[in-house]
Amino acid sequence: MKRSAPITLFALSLALAASSCASTDRPGSYATELARLEESCRARGGILTPADVGRPLGRPQTEYACRINDGGTRLRN
């Protein structure tokens, strides 16, 4: 009985690793949201940069900021 515990644990960890790799391209996933955020930022003429939030929160909206270098001005022409 003690011999089957490591095998069961290994099988469980392998199944968990496989399921996490398979779920990266689903709608609403981190990678999908990050790509959408980057595309939106580029469309506005910016570049996506990491924000200083300390630890990862799992939400690209809070972990990255769109930095627009050629921004407008408050002065009127």
N, C-alpha and C. Protein backbone atom coordinates (compact mmCIF):
# COMPACT_ATOMS: atom_id res chain seq x y z
N MET A 1 0.82 -1.19 0.00
CA MET A 1 0.00 0.00 0.00
C MET A 1 0.87 1.26 0.00
N LYS A 2 1.98 1.24 0.71
CA LYS A 2 2.84 2.40 0.75
C LYS A 2 3.54 2.60 -0.59
N ARG A 3 3.71 1.55 -1.34
CA ARG A 3 4.41 1.63 -2.61
C ARG A 3 3.53 2.29 -3.68
N SER A 4 2.23 2.19 -3.59
CA SER A 4 1.35 2.77 -4.60
C SER A 4 1.12 4.26 -4.39
N ALA A 5 1.39 4.78 -3.22
CA ALA A 5 1.17 6.21 -2.95
C ALA A 5 2.03 7.10 -3.83
N PRO A 6 3.35 6.85 -3.98
CA PRO A 6 4.15 7.70 -4.87
C PRO A 6 3.70 7.62 -6.33
N ILE A 7 3.27 6.45 -6.76
CA ILE A 7 2.81 6.29 -8.14
C ILE A 7 1.53 7.07 -8.35
N THR A 8 0.63 7.01 -7.40
CA THR A 8 -0.62 7.76 -7.48
C THR A 8 -0.35 9.26 -7.47
N LEU A 9 0.55 9.70 -6.64
CA LEU A 9 0.91 11.12 -6.57
C LEU A 9 1.54 11.59 -7.87
N PHE A 10 2.40 10.76 -8.44
CA PHE A 10 3.02 11.11 -9.71
C PHE A 10 1.98 11.19 -10.83
N ALA A 11 1.06 10.26 -10.88
CA ALA A 11 0.01 10.27 -11.90
C ALA A 11 -0.89 11.49 -11.74
N LEU A 12 -1.21 11.83 -10.53
CA LEU A 12 -2.04 13.00 -10.28
C LEU A 12 -1.33 14.29 -10.70
N SER A 13 -0.05 14.42 -10.38
CA SER A 13 0.69 15.63 -10.76
C SER A 13 0.87 15.70 -12.27
N LEU A 14 1.04 14.58 -12.93
CA LEU A 14 1.16 14.55 -14.39
C LEU A 14 -0.16 14.97 -15.04
N ALA A 15 -1.27 14.51 -14.52
CA ALA A 15 -2.57 14.90 -15.06
C ALA A 15 -2.84 16.39 -14.84
N LEU A 16 -2.44 16.89 -13.69
CA LEU A 16 -2.62 18.32 -13.40
C LEU A 16 -1.76 19.18 -14.33
N ALA A 17 -0.55 18.77 -14.58
CA ALA A 17 0.34 19.51 -15.49
C ALA A 17 -0.20 19.51 -16.91
N ALA A 18 -0.73 18.38 -17.35
CA ALA A 18 -1.28 18.30 -18.70
C ALA A 18 -2.53 19.17 -18.84
N SER A 19 -3.35 19.22 -17.82
CA SER A 19 -4.56 20.03 -17.92
C SER A 19 -4.24 21.52 -17.87
N SER A 20 -3.20 21.92 -17.18
CA SER A 20 -2.85 23.33 -17.14
C SER A 20 -2.28 23.79 -18.47
N CYS A 21 -1.56 22.94 -19.16
CA CYS A 21 -1.03 23.30 -20.48
C CYS A 21 -2.15 23.39 -21.51
N ALA A 22 -3.14 22.58 -21.40
CA ALA A 22 -4.22 22.55 -22.38
C ALA A 22 -5.17 23.73 -22.23
N SER A 23 -5.16 24.38 -21.09
CA SER A 23 -6.14 25.43 -20.85
C SER A 23 -5.60 26.84 -21.10
N THR A 24 -4.48 26.99 -21.78
CA THR A 24 -3.89 28.32 -21.94
C THR A 24 -4.51 29.12 -23.07
N ASP A 25 -5.21 28.50 -24.02
CA ASP A 25 -5.74 29.25 -25.14
C ASP A 25 -7.26 29.40 -25.10
N ARG A 26 -7.88 29.09 -24.01
CA ARG A 26 -9.32 29.25 -23.92
C ARG A 26 -9.68 30.71 -23.71
N PRO A 27 -10.86 31.14 -24.12
CA PRO A 27 -11.27 32.53 -23.92
C PRO A 27 -11.28 32.88 -22.44
N GLY A 28 -10.74 34.03 -22.10
CA GLY A 28 -10.69 34.45 -20.72
C GLY A 28 -9.45 34.00 -19.99
N SER A 29 -8.56 33.23 -20.65
CA SER A 29 -7.35 32.80 -19.99
C SER A 29 -6.35 33.95 -19.94
N TYR A 30 -5.33 33.79 -19.14
CA TYR A 30 -4.32 34.83 -18.96
C TYR A 30 -3.66 35.19 -20.29
N ALA A 31 -3.26 34.19 -21.06
CA ALA A 31 -2.59 34.44 -22.33
C ALA A 31 -3.51 35.15 -23.32
N THR A 32 -4.77 34.76 -23.36
CA THR A 32 -5.73 35.39 -24.26
C THR A 32 -5.98 36.84 -23.85
N GLU A 33 -6.15 37.08 -22.57
CA GLU A 33 -6.38 38.44 -22.08
C GLU A 33 -5.16 39.32 -22.30
N LEU A 34 -3.96 38.76 -22.13
CA LEU A 34 -2.74 39.53 -22.34
C LEU A 34 -2.60 39.90 -23.81
N ALA A 35 -2.89 38.98 -24.71
CA ALA A 35 -2.82 39.27 -26.14
C ALA A 35 -3.84 40.34 -26.54
N ARG A 36 -5.03 40.26 -26.00
CA ARG A 36 -6.06 41.27 -26.29
C ARG A 36 -5.65 42.64 -25.77
N LEU A 37 -5.09 42.66 -24.57
CA LEU A 37 -4.63 43.91 -23.98
C LEU A 37 -3.47 44.52 -24.78
N GLU A 38 -2.56 43.68 -25.23
CA GLU A 38 -1.44 44.16 -26.03
C GLU A 38 -1.91 44.71 -27.38
N GLU A 39 -2.85 44.05 -27.99
CA GLU A 39 -3.40 44.52 -29.27
C GLU A 39 -4.11 45.86 -29.10
N SER A 40 -4.86 46.00 -28.03
CA SER A 40 -5.56 47.25 -27.75
C SER A 40 -4.58 48.39 -27.51
N CYS A 41 -3.51 48.09 -26.81
CA CYS A 41 -2.50 49.11 -26.51
C CYS A 41 -1.78 49.54 -27.79
N ARG A 42 -1.43 48.60 -28.64
CA ARG A 42 -0.77 48.93 -29.91
C ARG A 42 -1.66 49.77 -30.80
N ALA A 43 -2.96 49.50 -30.79
CA ALA A 43 -3.89 50.26 -31.62
C ALA A 43 -3.95 51.73 -31.19
N ARG A 44 -3.66 51.98 -29.92
CA ARG A 44 -3.64 53.36 -29.42
C ARG A 44 -2.26 54.00 -29.52
N GLY A 45 -1.29 53.28 -30.10
CA GLY A 45 0.05 53.81 -30.29
C GLY A 45 0.94 53.66 -29.07
N GLY A 46 0.65 52.69 -28.25
CA GLY A 46 1.43 52.50 -27.03
C GLY A 46 2.17 51.18 -27.01
N ILE A 47 2.85 50.96 -25.90
CA ILE A 47 3.58 49.71 -25.67
C ILE A 47 3.20 49.19 -24.28
N LEU A 48 2.98 47.90 -24.19
CA LEU A 48 2.57 47.29 -22.93
C LEU A 48 3.80 47.10 -22.04
N THR A 49 3.76 47.62 -20.84
CA THR A 49 4.88 47.51 -19.91
C THR A 49 4.40 46.94 -18.59
N PRO A 50 5.25 46.20 -17.90
CA PRO A 50 4.85 45.66 -16.60
C PRO A 50 4.62 46.78 -15.58
N ALA A 51 3.56 46.66 -14.83
CA ALA A 51 3.27 47.62 -13.76
C ALA A 51 3.90 47.10 -12.48
N ASP A 52 4.23 47.98 -11.60
CA ASP A 52 4.85 47.60 -10.34
C ASP A 52 3.76 47.30 -9.31
N VAL A 53 3.28 46.06 -9.32
CA VAL A 53 2.21 45.67 -8.40
C VAL A 53 2.71 44.75 -7.29
N GLY A 54 3.99 44.45 -7.28
CA GLY A 54 4.54 43.58 -6.25
C GLY A 54 4.53 42.13 -6.68
N ARG A 55 3.51 41.43 -6.34
CA ARG A 55 3.42 40.00 -6.69
C ARG A 55 2.42 39.80 -7.82
N PRO A 56 2.56 38.73 -8.59
CA PRO A 56 1.60 38.46 -9.66
C PRO A 56 0.20 38.23 -9.11
N LEU A 57 -0.78 38.84 -9.76
CA LEU A 57 -2.17 38.73 -9.32
C LEU A 57 -3.01 37.82 -10.20
N GLY A 58 -2.48 37.44 -11.36
CA GLY A 58 -3.22 36.57 -12.25
C GLY A 58 -4.15 37.31 -13.19
N ARG A 59 -4.06 38.63 -13.22
CA ARG A 59 -4.88 39.44 -14.12
C ARG A 59 -3.98 40.37 -14.90
N PRO A 60 -3.88 40.20 -16.21
CA PRO A 60 -3.01 41.08 -16.99
C PRO A 60 -3.43 42.54 -16.94
N GLN A 61 -4.71 42.81 -16.70
CA GLN A 61 -5.20 44.19 -16.62
C GLN A 61 -4.56 44.94 -15.46
N THR A 62 -4.22 44.25 -14.39
CA THR A 62 -3.60 44.90 -13.24
C THR A 62 -2.08 44.76 -13.23
N GLU A 63 -1.55 43.80 -13.97
CA GLU A 63 -0.11 43.56 -13.99
C GLU A 63 0.62 44.33 -15.08
N TYR A 64 -0.10 44.84 -16.07
CA TYR A 64 0.51 45.57 -17.18
C TYR A 64 -0.20 46.89 -17.40
N ALA A 65 0.56 47.87 -17.90
CA ALA A 65 0.00 49.18 -18.21
C ALA A 65 0.38 49.54 -19.64
N CYS A 66 -0.49 50.27 -20.30
CA CYS A 66 -0.23 50.73 -21.66
C CYS A 66 0.48 52.07 -21.57
N ARG A 67 1.71 52.12 -22.02
CA ARG A 67 2.48 53.36 -22.00
C ARG A 67 2.46 53.98 -23.38
N ILE A 68 1.92 55.17 -23.47
CA ILE A 68 1.82 55.87 -24.75
C ILE A 68 2.86 56.98 -24.74
N ASN A 69 3.89 56.83 -25.57
CA ASN A 69 4.99 57.78 -25.58
C ASN A 69 4.66 59.04 -26.37
N ASP A 70 3.89 58.92 -27.41
CA ASP A 70 3.57 60.06 -28.25
C ASP A 70 2.16 60.54 -27.92
N GLY A 71 1.97 60.84 -26.67
CA GLY A 71 0.65 61.24 -26.21
C GLY A 71 0.31 62.67 -26.59
N GLY A 72 -0.92 63.00 -26.46
CA GLY A 72 -1.38 64.34 -26.75
C GLY A 72 -0.95 65.33 -25.69
N THR A 73 -1.33 66.53 -25.86
CA THR A 73 -1.00 67.58 -24.92
C THR A 73 -2.25 68.30 -24.50
N ARG A 74 -2.21 68.99 -23.40
CA ARG A 74 -3.37 69.74 -22.93
C ARG A 74 -3.45 71.11 -23.58
N LEU A 75 -2.37 71.50 -24.24
CA LEU A 75 -2.35 72.80 -24.89
C LEU A 75 -3.11 72.77 -26.20
N ARG A 76 -3.83 73.79 -26.47
CA ARG A 76 -4.55 73.86 -27.74
C ARG A 76 -3.67 74.50 -28.79
N ASN A 77 -3.84 74.07 -30.00
CA ASN A 77 -3.06 74.64 -31.11
C ASN A 77 -3.70 75.87 -31.65
